[in-house]
Protein backbone atom coordinates (compact mmCIF):
# COMPACT_ATOMS: atom_id res chain seq x y z
CA MET A 1 -83.38 72.49 29.24
CA GLU A 2 -85.22 69.78 31.41
CA PHE A 3 -88.43 71.01 33.45
CA LYS A 4 -92.02 69.98 35.12
CA ALA A 5 -95.30 70.70 33.33
CA PHE A 6 -98.84 70.01 33.69
CA LYS A 7 -101.01 68.54 31.07
CA MET A 8 -104.93 69.02 30.67
CA ASP A 9 -107.68 69.55 28.69
CA GLY A 10 -111.06 70.61 28.77
CA LEU A 11 -113.26 68.40 26.25
CA GLY A 12 -110.32 67.66 24.54
CA ASN A 13 -109.10 71.30 23.86
CA ASP A 14 -105.42 70.11 25.71
CA PHE A 15 -102.94 72.65 27.06
CA VAL A 16 -99.41 72.39 28.66
CA ILE A 17 -99.65 74.62 31.98
CA ILE A 18 -95.95 75.99 33.33
CA ASP A 19 -95.74 77.53 36.84
CA GLN A 20 -93.57 80.15 36.70
CA ARG A 21 -94.65 81.48 40.51
CA ILE A 22 -91.40 79.53 41.69
CA SER A 23 -88.74 79.92 39.11
CA THR A 24 -89.24 81.40 35.81
CA ILE A 25 -88.43 79.21 32.74
CA ASN A 26 -87.55 81.21 30.02
CA LEU A 27 -88.92 79.90 26.40
CA SER A 28 -88.53 81.39 22.82
CA LYS A 29 -91.07 81.34 20.74
CA GLU A 30 -89.64 78.49 18.80
CA ASN A 31 -89.59 76.65 22.18
CA ILE A 32 -93.26 76.92 22.84
CA VAL A 33 -93.97 76.16 18.89
CA LYS A 34 -91.93 73.08 19.93
CA ILE A 35 -93.73 71.88 23.06
CA CYS A 36 -97.21 72.62 21.08
CA SER A 37 -95.99 70.67 18.51
CA ARG A 38 -98.19 67.50 18.17
CA ASP A 39 -94.63 65.67 16.89
CA PHE A 40 -93.67 66.63 20.32
CA ILE A 41 -95.59 66.85 23.17
CA GLY A 42 -98.86 68.50 21.24
CA CYS A 43 -101.41 70.57 22.68
CA ASP A 44 -103.20 73.82 21.61
CA GLN A 45 -102.13 76.40 23.64
CA LEU A 46 -99.29 76.51 26.16
CA ILE A 47 -100.20 78.52 29.62
CA TYR A 48 -97.79 80.04 32.12
CA ILE A 49 -98.76 80.66 35.80
CA ASN A 50 -97.02 83.89 36.92
CA LYS A 51 -97.47 85.47 40.20
CA SER A 52 -98.73 89.00 40.27
CA GLU A 53 -98.09 91.94 42.78
CA ASP A 54 -101.94 91.58 44.12
CA LYS A 55 -101.20 88.00 44.82
CA LYS A 56 -103.51 86.73 42.37
CA ASP A 57 -102.29 84.22 39.68
CA LYS A 58 -101.78 85.51 36.50
CA LEU A 59 -102.11 83.74 33.36
CA ILE A 60 -100.54 83.75 29.91
CA PHE A 61 -101.76 82.28 27.12
CA TYR A 62 -99.75 80.97 24.04
CA ASN A 63 -101.24 79.88 21.14
CA SER A 64 -99.71 76.49 19.21
CA ASP A 65 -98.02 78.90 16.51
CA GLY A 66 -95.98 81.00 19.50
CA SER A 67 -98.26 84.40 19.04
CA ILE A 68 -100.10 85.53 22.40
CA SER A 69 -103.64 85.20 23.13
CA GLY A 70 -105.82 87.12 25.16
CA ALA A 71 -107.93 84.63 26.61
CA CYS A 72 -108.43 81.15 26.91
CA GLY A 73 -111.95 79.79 28.69
CA ASN A 74 -111.09 76.07 28.62
CA GLY A 75 -107.48 76.99 29.70
CA THR A 76 -108.53 79.14 32.62
CA ARG A 77 -111.27 75.99 33.91
CA CYS A 78 -108.29 73.57 33.99
CA VAL A 79 -105.94 76.07 35.88
CA ALA A 80 -108.47 77.08 38.21
CA LYS A 81 -108.87 73.06 38.93
CA LEU A 82 -105.19 72.65 38.99
CA LEU A 83 -104.85 75.72 41.51
CA SER A 84 -107.92 74.20 43.75
CA LYS A 85 -105.99 71.47 44.87
CA GLU A 86 -103.43 73.82 45.69
CA TYR A 87 -105.39 75.70 47.65
CA GLY A 88 -107.71 73.75 48.84
CA GLY A 89 -110.74 75.93 47.90
CA LYS A 90 -113.98 75.80 45.80
CA GLU A 91 -113.09 79.95 44.36
CA ILE A 92 -110.28 80.53 42.09
CA ILE A 93 -109.54 84.03 41.13
CA LEU A 94 -107.09 84.41 37.95
CA GLN A 95 -106.16 87.94 36.43
CA THR A 96 -105.23 87.92 32.69
CA SER A 97 -104.60 90.08 29.88
CA SER A 98 -108.84 90.58 29.18
CA GLY A 99 -109.57 91.03 33.40
CA ILE A 100 -110.17 89.05 36.53
CA LEU A 101 -111.44 85.49 35.53
CA TYR A 102 -113.42 83.87 38.44
CA SER A 103 -113.66 80.39 38.79
CA GLN A 104 -115.88 78.04 40.63
CA ILE A 105 -115.46 74.43 41.06
CA ILE A 106 -118.24 72.69 41.30
CA ASN A 107 -117.00 68.98 41.22
CA GLU A 108 -113.80 66.63 41.03
CA ASN A 109 -114.36 67.39 36.83
CA ILE A 110 -116.72 69.87 36.43
CA VAL A 111 -115.49 74.11 36.29
CA GLU A 112 -117.23 76.83 35.89
CA THR A 113 -115.40 80.43 34.84
CA ASN A 114 -117.39 84.11 34.48
CA ILE A 115 -115.41 85.58 31.81
CA GLY A 116 -117.58 88.53 32.07
CA ALA A 117 -119.39 90.91 30.08
CA PRO A 118 -118.24 90.43 25.84
CA SER A 119 -117.75 93.72 23.78
CA MET A 120 -119.44 94.29 20.28
CA GLU A 121 -117.68 97.51 19.75
CA TRP A 122 -115.97 97.51 16.48
CA THR A 123 -113.26 99.73 18.55
CA LYS A 124 -112.91 96.61 20.90
CA ILE A 125 -112.96 94.03 18.65
CA PRO A 126 -111.64 95.09 17.01
CA LEU A 127 -112.42 96.12 13.25
CA ILE A 128 -110.63 98.35 10.57
CA LYS A 129 -113.36 100.31 10.68
CA ASN A 130 -116.58 101.44 12.14
CA MET A 131 -118.93 98.18 10.68
CA ASN A 132 -122.32 97.13 12.07
CA THR A 133 -121.11 94.22 14.23
CA GLU A 134 -124.24 92.43 14.06
CA ASP A 135 -124.03 91.51 10.44
CA LEU A 136 -120.52 92.10 8.79
CA LYS A 137 -121.47 90.81 5.21
CA ILE A 138 -118.78 88.30 4.79
CA THR A 139 -119.51 85.65 1.93
CA ILE A 140 -118.74 81.82 3.22
CA ASN A 141 -119.52 79.18 0.72
CA ASP A 142 -120.77 75.56 1.32
CA THR A 143 -119.65 72.16 -0.22
CA ASN A 144 -122.30 72.72 -2.81
CA GLY A 145 -121.17 76.48 -3.59
CA LYS A 146 -123.96 77.92 -1.70
CA LYS A 147 -123.12 81.20 -0.53
CA PHE A 148 -123.76 82.40 3.20
CA ILE A 149 -123.53 86.38 3.69
CA GLY A 150 -123.28 87.24 7.31
CA GLY A 151 -120.91 86.88 10.13
CA ILE A 152 -121.78 88.42 14.01
CA ALA A 153 -118.16 89.76 15.33
CA ILE A 154 -117.56 89.66 19.25
CA ASN A 155 -114.71 90.50 21.74
CA VAL A 156 -114.65 87.73 24.83
CA GLY A 157 -110.86 88.57 25.39
CA ASN A 158 -110.08 87.78 21.90
CA PRO A 159 -111.86 88.39 18.36
CA HIS A 160 -114.68 86.32 17.05
CA ILE A 161 -116.75 85.77 14.47
CA VAL A 162 -119.88 83.42 14.43
CA PHE A 163 -121.68 82.11 11.79
CA PHE A 164 -125.35 80.96 11.87
CA VAL A 165 -125.90 78.70 8.85
CA GLU A 166 -128.82 76.11 8.45
CA ASN A 167 -126.57 73.29 8.39
CA ASN A 168 -122.68 73.45 9.33
CA GLU A 169 -121.94 70.09 8.20
CA ASN A 170 -121.97 71.81 4.55
CA PHE A 171 -119.47 73.96 5.70
CA LYS A 172 -115.58 73.21 5.99
CA ILE A 173 -114.44 74.80 8.66
CA GLU A 174 -110.94 73.75 7.64
CA ASN A 175 -111.08 75.91 4.63
CA ILE A 176 -113.09 78.56 5.50
CA GLY A 177 -111.67 79.18 9.12
CA PRO A 178 -107.89 79.69 7.81
CA GLU A 179 -109.20 82.14 5.29
CA ILE A 180 -111.77 84.26 7.37
CA GLU A 181 -108.86 84.69 10.59
CA GLN A 182 -106.93 86.48 8.32
CA HIS A 183 -109.74 88.77 7.30
CA GLU A 184 -109.10 91.98 6.47
CA TYR A 185 -111.38 93.29 8.59
CA PHE A 186 -109.73 91.64 11.30
CA PRO A 187 -106.40 93.22 12.00
CA GLU A 188 -105.32 91.22 15.13
CA LYS A 189 -107.17 88.28 13.25
CA CYS A 190 -109.77 86.71 14.97
CA ASN A 191 -111.57 82.99 15.77
CA VAL A 192 -114.17 81.80 13.24
CA THR A 193 -116.88 79.64 14.63
CA ILE A 194 -119.67 78.39 11.81
CA ALA A 195 -122.86 76.88 13.98
CA THR A 196 -126.11 75.74 13.48
CA ILE A 197 -128.94 76.32 16.25
CA LYS A 198 -130.66 73.00 16.85
CA ASN A 199 -133.45 74.48 19.58
CA LYS A 200 -133.25 77.38 21.79
CA ASN A 201 -131.07 75.49 24.26
CA LEU A 202 -128.39 74.15 21.76
CA ILE A 203 -126.41 74.84 19.46
CA ASP A 204 -123.79 72.62 17.18
CA VAL A 205 -120.14 74.40 16.59
CA LYS A 206 -117.51 74.10 14.43
CA VAL A 207 -114.54 76.31 15.27
CA TRP A 208 -111.24 77.21 14.04
CA GLU A 209 -108.84 78.92 16.57
CA ARG A 210 -106.38 81.79 15.77
CA GLY A 211 -102.99 80.95 15.86
CA ALA A 212 -104.42 77.42 16.42
CA GLY A 213 -106.20 76.23 13.74
CA LEU A 214 -108.56 73.38 14.73
CA THR A 215 -109.35 72.53 17.53
CA LYS A 216 -111.57 70.10 19.59
CA ALA A 217 -113.14 72.75 21.50
CA CYS A 218 -112.73 76.43 22.52
CA GLY A 219 -114.43 77.59 25.17
CA THR A 220 -114.44 81.57 24.21
CA ALA A 221 -115.89 80.38 21.04
CA ALA A 222 -118.54 78.72 22.76
CA CYS A 223 -118.92 81.91 24.89
CA ALA A 224 -118.75 84.45 21.81
CA THR A 225 -121.44 81.77 20.00
CA ALA A 226 -123.87 81.71 23.03
CA TYR A 227 -123.75 85.49 23.16
CA ALA A 228 -124.35 86.10 19.57
CA GLY A 229 -127.27 83.47 19.24
CA PHE A 230 -128.73 85.43 22.63
CA ILE A 231 -128.77 89.20 21.43
CA THR A 232 -130.04 88.41 17.95
CA LYS A 233 -133.11 86.54 19.91
CA LYS A 234 -132.28 82.96 18.13
CA VAL A 235 -131.51 81.15 21.54
CA SER A 236 -132.15 81.67 25.48
CA ASN A 237 -129.38 82.65 28.17
CA ASN A 238 -129.33 79.19 28.78
CA VAL A 239 -128.03 77.78 26.42
CA ASP A 240 -125.46 74.35 25.46
CA ILE A 241 -122.69 74.52 22.73
CA LYS A 242 -121.87 70.84 21.05
CA PHE A 243 -118.78 70.15 20.32
CA SER A 244 -117.68 67.00 18.34
CA THR A 245 -116.24 65.93 21.85
CA GLY A 246 -119.20 67.38 24.58
CA ILE A 247 -120.73 70.53 25.68
CA LEU A 248 -120.25 73.23 27.02
CA SER A 249 -122.83 75.20 29.01
CA ILE A 250 -123.38 78.99 29.00
CA ARG A 251 -124.98 81.30 30.59
CA ILE A 252 -125.52 84.56 30.14
CA ASP A 253 -126.50 86.93 33.39
CA ASN A 254 -128.57 90.31 33.53
CA ASN A 255 -125.32 92.02 33.34
CA ASN A 256 -124.95 90.25 30.24
CA SER A 257 -121.71 88.49 32.17
CA ILE A 258 -121.29 85.18 30.39
CA PHE A 259 -120.87 82.10 32.78
CA MET A 260 -119.22 78.78 31.04
CA LYS A 261 -119.38 75.53 32.45
CA GLY A 262 -117.97 72.03 31.45
CA PRO A 263 -115.68 69.13 32.26
CA VAL A 264 -111.97 69.30 32.39
CA SER A 265 -109.30 66.52 32.37
CA ASN A 266 -107.42 64.91 35.34
CA ILE A 267 -104.39 66.81 35.62
CA GLU A 268 -101.03 64.92 34.38
CA GLU A 269 -97.82 65.93 35.56
CA ILE A 270 -94.76 65.96 32.57
CA LYS A 271 -91.45 66.41 32.21
CA VAL A 272 -90.43 68.81 29.21
CA ASN A 273 -87.02 68.51 27.68
CA LEU A 274 -85.85 70.81 25.23
């Protein structure tokens, strides 16, 4: 089976994008895992663009382990740029399983997406029981064996937990991430962020993505971290989230809608041969 696809990334968070609107390409879970493998094409997530009945293009996201992801901020921004070339407009509306997402093409390589208002209700994250979502009292250890207890749970289209620590360089996300991703509190697993506040407008983060593992950047993690910092009065409603590869700028409006702005790559057309 051979077909055309696109490769794009946002701050190194990379995607294979498959346009299903003209012809359907049926991929098994094994096919998706193979495409995402760094030994083959390699990507953090695979994205389908589907045609929907209301004429809004619909996105379906798959993690690199073949599981479905409810939302992907950087992936949405990449598809928005791709479709803006086709439609010739600056505003792109996309349908996802977590709702309608509106994107604005700021310039050639900067895209802003409104991912909507997050939820901190335990049933919507979801958690296994009614808990204080601003403090789950989960313990993580730094490299010196020092314990940190906390964790803020937020759903921004998918479940996240955010730990604010004094220095996230002292924490190995590659060890902590897989353990917390599968914590018993999260029946649908979760994305894990260890964050350090630099000032009211800057947060440094390390992220482990549910179903994808270590990624260079994660858009929904940036949104979750910014919102967690804002509601706990640690940062302002305009904050930059710093990854190892660059910055995503997050803005929270008066309705608690979260706007994520940042760079996307050029569009690379590829052939997939399975």
